Amino acid sequence: MSSFATYLVGFIVLIVGLAIAASLLGVPTVWIAVGVIVLVGIGIISASNRQTPRDPPPPNTY
C-alpha cells in the first residue's frame, strides 16, 4: 500500500470518528455531511502534497 493510500485511509477513519461524535452531540445531519465533504477534500489535498515527487527521467545522451 502506498503512502498516499495509507494517509487517506487514516484520514477517512478520523473523519468517520468525528462524524459519529458530531452525531452523538446532536449536530444536524446536513452539517455533518458538509463537514465530511470539506474534510475529504482537505485530506486529498494534503495527501497529494505529502507525496514525494518522482525523479525526472535521465537526460538522453547520444
C-alpha atoms as a PDB file:
ATOM      1  CA  MET A   1       0.000   0.000   0.000  1.00  0.00           C
ATOM      2  CA  SER A   2       1.434   3.365  -0.968  1.00  0.00           C
ATOM      3  CA  SER A   3       1.947   6.186   1.496  1.00  0.00           C
ATOM      4  CA  PHE A   4      -0.780   8.148  -0.309  1.00  0.00           C
ATOM      5  CA  ALA A   5      -3.325   5.373   0.273  1.00  0.00           C
ATOM      6  CA  THR A   6      -2.241   4.851   3.880  1.00  0.00           C
ATOM      7  CA  TYR A   7      -2.606   8.567   4.594  1.00  0.00           C
ATOM      8  CA  LEU A   8      -6.069   8.660   3.012  1.00  0.00           C
ATOM      9  CA  VAL A   9      -7.266   5.584   4.922  1.00  0.00           C
ATOM     10  CA  GLY A  10      -6.126   7.127   8.198  1.00  0.00           C
ATOM     11  CA  PHE A  11      -7.764  10.431   7.344  1.00  0.00           C
ATOM     12  CA  ILE A  12     -11.036   8.682   6.461  1.00  0.00           C
ATOM     13  CA  VAL A  13     -11.001   6.843   9.795  1.00  0.00           C
ATOM     14  CA  LEU A  14     -10.543  10.217  11.515  1.00  0.00           C
ATOM     15  CA  ILE A  15     -13.441  11.718   9.544  1.00  0.00           C
ATOM     16  CA  VAL A  16     -15.751   8.811  10.421  1.00  0.00           C
ATOM     17  CA  GLY A  17     -14.887   9.204  14.100  1.00  0.00           C
ATOM     18  CA  LEU A  18     -15.580  12.931  14.011  1.00  0.00           C
ATOM     19  CA  ALA A  19     -18.882  12.378  12.183  1.00  0.00           C
ATOM     20  CA  ILE A  20     -20.008   9.832  14.791  1.00  0.00           C
ATOM     21  CA  ALA A  21     -19.031  12.194  17.611  1.00  0.00           C
ATOM     22  CA  ALA A  22     -20.934  15.053  15.960  1.00  0.00           C
ATOM     23  CA  SER A  23     -23.975  12.818  15.559  1.00  0.00           C
ATOM     24  CA  LEU A  24     -23.874  11.856  19.232  1.00  0.00           C
ATOM     25  CA  LEU A  25     -23.666  15.544  20.158  1.00  0.00           C
ATOM     26  CA  GLY A  26     -26.831  16.264  18.187  1.00  0.00           C
ATOM     27  CA  VAL A  27     -25.369  18.162  15.234  1.00  0.00           C
ATOM     28  CA  PRO A  28     -27.844  18.231  12.312  1.00  0.00           C
ATOM     29  CA  THR A  29     -27.133  15.676   9.584  1.00  0.00           C
ATOM     30  CA  VAL A  30     -26.775  18.334   6.896  1.00  0.00           C
ATOM     31  CA  TRP A  31     -23.883  19.976   8.747  1.00  0.00           C
ATOM     32  CA  ILE A  32     -22.237  16.619   9.360  1.00  0.00           C
ATOM     33  CA  ALA A  33     -22.391  15.916   5.613  1.00  0.00           C
ATOM     34  CA  VAL A  34     -20.928  19.350   4.814  1.00  0.00           C
ATOM     35  CA  GLY A  35     -18.108  18.774   7.302  1.00  0.00           C
ATOM     36  CA  VAL A  36     -17.360  15.331   5.876  1.00  0.00           C
ATOM     37  CA  ILE A  37     -17.176  16.681   2.311  1.00  0.00           C
ATOM     38  CA  VAL A  38     -14.868  19.517   3.340  1.00  0.00           C
ATOM     39  CA  LEU A  39     -12.607  17.199   5.348  1.00  0.00           C
ATOM     40  CA  VAL A  40     -12.388  14.678   2.498  1.00  0.00           C
ATOM     41  CA  GLY A  41     -11.266  17.497   0.191  1.00  0.00           C
ATOM     42  CA  ILE A  42      -8.670  18.671   2.712  1.00  0.00           C
ATOM     43  CA  GLY A  43      -7.475  15.079   3.110  1.00  0.00           C
ATOM     44  CA  ILE A  44      -6.987  14.591  -0.626  1.00  0.00           C
ATOM     45  CA  ILE A  45      -5.136  17.884  -0.994  1.00  0.00           C
ATOM     46  CA  SER A  46      -2.852  17.264   1.967  1.00  0.00           C
ATOM     47  CA  ALA A  47      -2.172  13.653   0.925  1.00  0.00           C
ATOM     48  CA  SER A  48      -1.162  14.743  -2.559  1.00  0.00           C
ATOM     49  CA  ASN A  49       1.094  17.452  -1.118  1.00  0.00           C
ATOM     50  CA  ARG A  50       2.816  14.932   1.164  1.00  0.00           C
ATOM     51  CA  GLN A  51       3.679  12.608  -1.698  1.00  0.00           C
ATOM     52  CA  THR A  52       7.285  12.924  -2.848  1.00  0.00           C
ATOM     53  CA  PRO A  53       7.788  13.973  -6.455  1.00  0.00           C
ATOM     54  CA  ARG A  54       9.019  11.393  -8.895  1.00  0.00           C
ATOM     55  CA  ASP A  55      12.568  11.570 -10.144  1.00  0.00           C
ATOM     56  CA  PRO A  56      12.899  13.193 -13.555  1.00  0.00           C
ATOM     57  CA  PRO A  57      13.902  10.878 -16.387  1.00  0.00           C
ATOM     58  CA  PRO A  58      17.627  10.783 -17.148  1.00  0.00           C
ATOM     59  CA  PRO A  59      18.746  13.040 -19.992  1.00  0.00           C
ATOM     60  CA  ASN A  60      19.300  11.454 -23.373  1.00  0.00           C
ATOM     61  CA  THR A  61      22.979  11.303 -24.261  1.00  0.00           C
ATOM     62  CA  TYR A  62      23.750  10.471 -27.875  1.00  0.00           C
END
